[in-house]
N, C-alpha and C. Protein backbone atom coordinates (compact mmCIF):
# COMPACT_ATOMS: atom_id res chain seq x y z
N MET A 1 12.21 28.31 7.66
CA MET A 1 13.28 27.38 7.95
C MET A 1 12.74 26.14 8.65
N SER A 2 11.88 26.31 9.67
CA SER A 2 11.33 25.16 10.37
C SER A 2 10.43 24.33 9.48
N ASP A 3 9.85 24.97 8.43
CA ASP A 3 9.03 24.21 7.49
C ASP A 3 9.89 23.30 6.62
N MET A 4 11.22 23.46 6.63
CA MET A 4 12.12 22.59 5.88
C MET A 4 12.61 21.42 6.73
N MET A 5 12.28 21.40 8.00
CA MET A 5 12.78 20.35 8.89
C MET A 5 12.37 18.95 8.46
N PRO A 6 11.10 18.70 8.09
CA PRO A 6 10.77 17.32 7.67
C PRO A 6 11.59 16.86 6.47
N GLU A 7 11.74 17.74 5.47
CA GLU A 7 12.54 17.37 4.30
C GLU A 7 13.99 17.13 4.69
N THR A 8 14.49 17.98 5.58
CA THR A 8 15.87 17.85 6.03
C THR A 8 16.08 16.51 6.73
N GLU A 9 15.18 16.16 7.62
CA GLU A 9 15.31 14.88 8.34
C GLU A 9 15.22 13.70 7.38
N THR A 10 14.37 13.82 6.37
CA THR A 10 14.26 12.75 5.37
C THR A 10 15.57 12.60 4.59
N ILE A 11 16.15 13.73 4.20
CA ILE A 11 17.42 13.70 3.46
C ILE A 11 18.54 13.12 4.32
N LEU A 12 18.61 13.55 5.58
CA LEU A 12 19.66 13.02 6.46
C LEU A 12 19.45 11.54 6.73
N ALA A 13 18.19 11.12 6.90
CA ALA A 13 17.90 9.69 7.09
C ALA A 13 18.30 8.90 5.84
N ALA A 14 18.02 9.46 4.67
CA ALA A 14 18.41 8.79 3.42
C ALA A 14 19.93 8.69 3.33
N SER A 15 20.62 9.74 3.73
CA SER A 15 22.08 9.74 3.71
C SER A 15 22.63 8.68 4.66
N ARG A 16 22.03 8.58 5.83
CA ARG A 16 22.47 7.55 6.79
C ARG A 16 22.18 6.14 6.27
N SER A 17 21.07 5.99 5.54
CA SER A 17 20.76 4.69 4.93
C SER A 17 21.79 4.34 3.87
N ILE A 18 22.21 5.33 3.10
CA ILE A 18 23.25 5.10 2.09
C ILE A 18 24.54 4.65 2.77
N LEU A 19 24.90 5.30 3.86
CA LEU A 19 26.10 4.93 4.60
C LEU A 19 25.99 3.51 5.14
N ALA A 20 24.83 3.17 5.70
CA ALA A 20 24.62 1.81 6.23
C ALA A 20 24.74 0.77 5.12
N ALA A 21 24.20 1.08 3.95
CA ALA A 21 24.31 0.15 2.82
C ALA A 21 25.76 0.00 2.39
N ALA A 22 26.51 1.11 2.39
CA ALA A 22 27.93 1.03 2.03
C ALA A 22 28.71 0.21 3.05
N GLU A 23 28.39 0.40 4.32
CA GLU A 23 29.07 -0.38 5.37
C GLU A 23 28.78 -1.87 5.22
N ALA A 24 27.58 -2.19 4.70
CA ALA A 24 27.20 -3.59 4.47
C ALA A 24 27.65 -4.08 3.10
N MET A 25 28.34 -3.21 2.35
CA MET A 25 28.83 -3.51 1.01
C MET A 25 27.70 -3.90 0.07
N GLU A 26 26.56 -3.24 0.23
CA GLU A 26 25.40 -3.44 -0.64
C GLU A 26 25.41 -2.32 -1.68
N TRP A 27 26.27 -2.47 -2.69
CA TRP A 27 26.55 -1.38 -3.62
C TRP A 27 25.38 -1.04 -4.52
N ASP A 28 24.57 -2.03 -4.90
CA ASP A 28 23.37 -1.73 -5.70
C ASP A 28 22.40 -0.88 -4.89
N ARG A 29 22.29 -1.19 -3.61
CA ARG A 29 21.41 -0.43 -2.72
C ARG A 29 21.93 0.99 -2.53
N VAL A 30 23.25 1.13 -2.42
CA VAL A 30 23.86 2.47 -2.30
C VAL A 30 23.45 3.31 -3.51
N GLU A 31 23.59 2.73 -4.68
CA GLU A 31 23.25 3.46 -5.92
C GLU A 31 21.76 3.82 -5.95
N ARG A 32 20.91 2.85 -5.62
CA ARG A 32 19.46 3.09 -5.66
C ARG A 32 19.06 4.18 -4.67
N LEU A 33 19.58 4.11 -3.45
CA LEU A 33 19.25 5.11 -2.44
C LEU A 33 19.77 6.49 -2.83
N GLY A 34 20.94 6.53 -3.44
CA GLY A 34 21.47 7.81 -3.90
C GLY A 34 20.57 8.45 -4.94
N LYS A 35 20.06 7.63 -5.86
CA LYS A 35 19.15 8.15 -6.88
C LYS A 35 17.83 8.62 -6.25
N GLU A 36 17.37 7.91 -5.24
CA GLU A 36 16.13 8.29 -4.56
C GLU A 36 16.31 9.58 -3.76
N ARG A 37 17.51 9.82 -3.28
CA ARG A 37 17.77 11.00 -2.45
C ARG A 37 17.84 12.29 -3.27
N MET A 38 18.30 12.20 -4.52
CA MET A 38 18.49 13.40 -5.33
C MET A 38 17.24 14.26 -5.46
N PRO A 39 16.07 13.70 -5.78
CA PRO A 39 14.88 14.56 -5.88
C PRO A 39 14.53 15.23 -4.55
N LEU A 40 14.85 14.58 -3.43
CA LEU A 40 14.59 15.17 -2.12
C LEU A 40 15.46 16.41 -1.92
N ILE A 41 16.71 16.30 -2.33
CA ILE A 41 17.63 17.44 -2.22
C ILE A 41 17.18 18.57 -3.14
N ASP A 42 16.79 18.22 -4.36
CA ASP A 42 16.29 19.23 -5.30
C ASP A 42 15.07 19.94 -4.73
N LYS A 43 14.17 19.18 -4.12
CA LYS A 43 12.95 19.76 -3.54
C LYS A 43 13.31 20.70 -2.39
N LEU A 44 14.26 20.31 -1.58
CA LEU A 44 14.67 21.15 -0.46
C LEU A 44 15.21 22.49 -0.96
N PHE A 45 16.06 22.43 -1.98
CA PHE A 45 16.61 23.68 -2.53
C PHE A 45 15.52 24.55 -3.15
N ALA A 46 14.58 23.91 -3.81
CA ALA A 46 13.52 24.67 -4.47
C ALA A 46 12.60 25.35 -3.46
N SER A 47 12.43 24.72 -2.29
CA SER A 47 11.50 25.27 -1.30
C SER A 47 12.17 26.19 -0.28
N ALA A 48 13.49 26.30 -0.34
CA ALA A 48 14.20 27.11 0.66
C ALA A 48 13.97 28.59 0.43
N ASP A 49 13.73 29.29 1.51
CA ASP A 49 13.61 30.75 1.45
C ASP A 49 14.97 31.31 1.84
N LEU A 50 15.74 31.65 0.84
CA LEU A 50 17.12 32.07 1.06
C LEU A 50 17.22 33.42 1.78
N GLU A 51 16.16 34.17 1.81
CA GLU A 51 16.21 35.49 2.44
C GLU A 51 15.79 35.45 3.91
N LYS A 52 15.30 34.33 4.38
CA LYS A 52 14.86 34.25 5.79
C LYS A 52 15.70 33.22 6.55
N GLY A 53 16.99 33.26 6.35
CA GLY A 53 17.88 32.34 7.06
C GLY A 53 18.00 30.99 6.40
N GLY A 54 17.34 30.82 5.27
CA GLY A 54 17.37 29.54 4.59
C GLY A 54 18.74 29.17 4.05
N ALA A 55 19.50 30.17 3.63
CA ALA A 55 20.83 29.90 3.07
C ALA A 55 21.74 29.28 4.13
N GLU A 56 21.74 29.83 5.32
CA GLU A 56 22.58 29.30 6.40
C GLU A 56 22.12 27.89 6.79
N PHE A 57 20.81 27.71 6.83
CA PHE A 57 20.25 26.41 7.17
C PHE A 57 20.66 25.38 6.12
N LEU A 58 20.51 25.74 4.84
CA LEU A 58 20.90 24.83 3.76
C LEU A 58 22.39 24.50 3.82
N ALA A 59 23.19 25.49 4.15
CA ALA A 59 24.63 25.26 4.25
C ALA A 59 24.93 24.21 5.31
N ARG A 60 24.25 24.28 6.45
CA ARG A 60 24.47 23.29 7.51
C ARG A 60 24.03 21.89 7.07
N VAL A 61 22.88 21.83 6.39
CA VAL A 61 22.39 20.54 5.90
C VAL A 61 23.37 19.96 4.89
N ILE A 62 23.84 20.80 3.98
CA ILE A 62 24.79 20.34 2.96
C ILE A 62 26.06 19.82 3.62
N GLU A 63 26.54 20.51 4.63
CA GLU A 63 27.74 20.05 5.34
C GLU A 63 27.53 18.69 5.97
N GLU A 64 26.36 18.47 6.56
CA GLU A 64 26.06 17.17 7.17
C GLU A 64 26.02 16.07 6.11
N VAL A 65 25.34 16.36 5.01
CA VAL A 65 25.24 15.38 3.92
C VAL A 65 26.63 15.09 3.35
N GLN A 66 27.43 16.13 3.17
CA GLN A 66 28.78 15.93 2.63
C GLN A 66 29.65 15.11 3.58
N ALA A 67 29.48 15.30 4.87
CA ALA A 67 30.25 14.52 5.84
C ALA A 67 29.89 13.04 5.74
N ILE A 68 28.60 12.77 5.64
CA ILE A 68 28.16 11.37 5.50
C ILE A 68 28.64 10.81 4.17
N ASP A 69 28.48 11.60 3.10
CA ASP A 69 28.92 11.15 1.78
C ASP A 69 30.43 10.91 1.74
N GLY A 70 31.18 11.69 2.49
CA GLY A 70 32.62 11.47 2.57
C GLY A 70 32.95 10.10 3.13
N GLN A 71 32.17 9.67 4.12
CA GLN A 71 32.37 8.33 4.68
C GLN A 71 32.02 7.26 3.64
N VAL A 72 30.96 7.51 2.88
CA VAL A 72 30.55 6.56 1.84
C VAL A 72 31.65 6.46 0.78
N VAL A 73 32.17 7.59 0.35
CA VAL A 73 33.24 7.59 -0.66
C VAL A 73 34.45 6.82 -0.15
N TYR A 74 34.80 7.02 1.12
CA TYR A 74 35.92 6.29 1.70
C TYR A 74 35.69 4.78 1.61
N LEU A 75 34.48 4.33 1.93
CA LEU A 75 34.16 2.90 1.87
C LEU A 75 34.19 2.38 0.44
N ILE A 76 33.69 3.18 -0.48
CA ILE A 76 33.70 2.78 -1.89
C ILE A 76 35.14 2.65 -2.38
N GLU A 77 35.98 3.62 -2.05
CA GLU A 77 37.38 3.56 -2.48
C GLU A 77 38.10 2.38 -1.86
N ALA A 78 37.81 2.09 -0.60
CA ALA A 78 38.44 0.94 0.06
C ALA A 78 38.02 -0.36 -0.63
N GLU A 79 36.75 -0.47 -0.99
CA GLU A 79 36.28 -1.68 -1.67
C GLU A 79 36.87 -1.77 -3.07
N ARG A 80 36.96 -0.65 -3.75
CA ARG A 80 37.57 -0.64 -5.09
C ARG A 80 39.02 -1.12 -5.01
N ASN A 81 39.75 -0.63 -4.02
CA ASN A 81 41.15 -1.04 -3.85
C ASN A 81 41.26 -2.51 -3.50
N ARG A 82 40.35 -2.99 -2.65
CA ARG A 82 40.35 -4.41 -2.29
C ARG A 82 40.09 -5.27 -3.53
N ALA A 83 39.10 -4.86 -4.34
CA ALA A 83 38.76 -5.61 -5.55
C ALA A 83 39.92 -5.58 -6.54
N ALA A 84 40.58 -4.44 -6.65
CA ALA A 84 41.74 -4.33 -7.56
C ALA A 84 42.86 -5.25 -7.10
N ASP A 85 43.10 -5.31 -5.80
CA ASP A 85 44.13 -6.22 -5.27
C ASP A 85 43.77 -7.66 -5.55
N GLU A 86 42.51 -8.00 -5.37
CA GLU A 86 42.06 -9.36 -5.63
C GLU A 86 42.23 -9.72 -7.10
N LEU A 87 41.90 -8.80 -7.98
CA LEU A 87 42.06 -9.04 -9.41
C LEU A 87 43.53 -9.19 -9.77
N ARG A 88 44.37 -8.34 -9.18
CA ARG A 88 45.81 -8.43 -9.43
C ARG A 88 46.34 -9.79 -8.97
N ASN A 89 45.92 -10.26 -7.81
CA ASN A 89 46.36 -11.56 -7.31
C ASN A 89 45.88 -12.69 -8.20
N LEU A 90 44.66 -12.55 -8.72
CA LEU A 90 44.13 -13.56 -9.62
C LEU A 90 44.95 -13.62 -10.91
N LYS A 91 45.30 -12.47 -11.44
CA LYS A 91 46.13 -12.44 -12.66
C LYS A 91 47.49 -13.06 -12.42
N ILE A 92 48.09 -12.77 -11.27
CA ILE A 92 49.39 -13.36 -10.93
C ILE A 92 49.26 -14.87 -10.81
N SER A 93 48.19 -15.33 -10.19
CA SER A 93 47.97 -16.77 -10.06
C SER A 93 47.84 -17.44 -11.42
N ARG A 94 47.12 -16.80 -12.31
CA ARG A 94 46.97 -17.36 -13.66
C ARG A 94 48.31 -17.39 -14.39
N GLN A 95 49.11 -16.34 -14.24
CA GLN A 95 50.43 -16.32 -14.87
C GLN A 95 51.30 -17.44 -14.32
N CYS A 96 51.26 -17.65 -13.03
CA CYS A 96 52.04 -18.73 -12.41
C CYS A 96 51.57 -20.09 -12.91
N GLU A 97 50.26 -20.23 -13.03
CA GLU A 97 49.72 -21.50 -13.51
C GLU A 97 50.17 -21.76 -14.95
N ARG A 98 50.12 -20.74 -15.79
CA ARG A 98 50.57 -20.90 -17.19
C ARG A 98 52.06 -21.24 -17.24
N ALA A 99 52.87 -20.58 -16.42
CA ALA A 99 54.30 -20.86 -16.40
C ALA A 99 54.56 -22.30 -15.93
N TYR A 100 53.80 -22.73 -14.93
CA TYR A 100 53.95 -24.10 -14.42
C TYR A 100 53.59 -25.12 -15.50
N ARG A 101 52.46 -24.88 -16.16
CA ARG A 101 52.02 -25.81 -17.22
C ARG A 101 53.03 -25.81 -18.38
N SER A 102 53.57 -24.67 -18.70
CA SER A 102 54.56 -24.58 -19.78
C SER A 102 55.81 -25.37 -19.41
N ALA A 103 56.27 -25.22 -18.16
CA ALA A 103 57.46 -25.94 -17.71
C ALA A 103 57.19 -27.43 -17.62
N GLU A 104 55.99 -27.78 -17.26
CA GLU A 104 55.59 -29.18 -17.12
C GLU A 104 55.59 -29.89 -18.49
N ASN A 105 55.23 -29.16 -19.51
CA ASN A 105 55.14 -29.73 -20.88
C ASN A 105 56.48 -29.83 -21.57
N LYS A 106 57.55 -29.31 -21.00
CA LYS A 106 58.87 -29.36 -21.64
C LYS A 106 59.59 -30.62 -21.32
């Protein structure tokens, strides 16, 4: 279990970096860091000794990663909603402009 600590710290640091990128709205960086983190998680699972307390240790690590990822998902959803609102407002503005130009030409 203690031999998994360096990998665990690397994964948690990567997860925190993903969260920081999401907080900064650096979505390309979020995606890149997420892709870089996956092989680290795969390696951790492959090296875990499930019969010597590794399963419980992995469960705790997964819970930490999921908690951080939950915050990232919240930020992504908030940005998606903001962008959707902005697009909706833009469409309304264009409709108003077309109606104004149509009325102006009559």
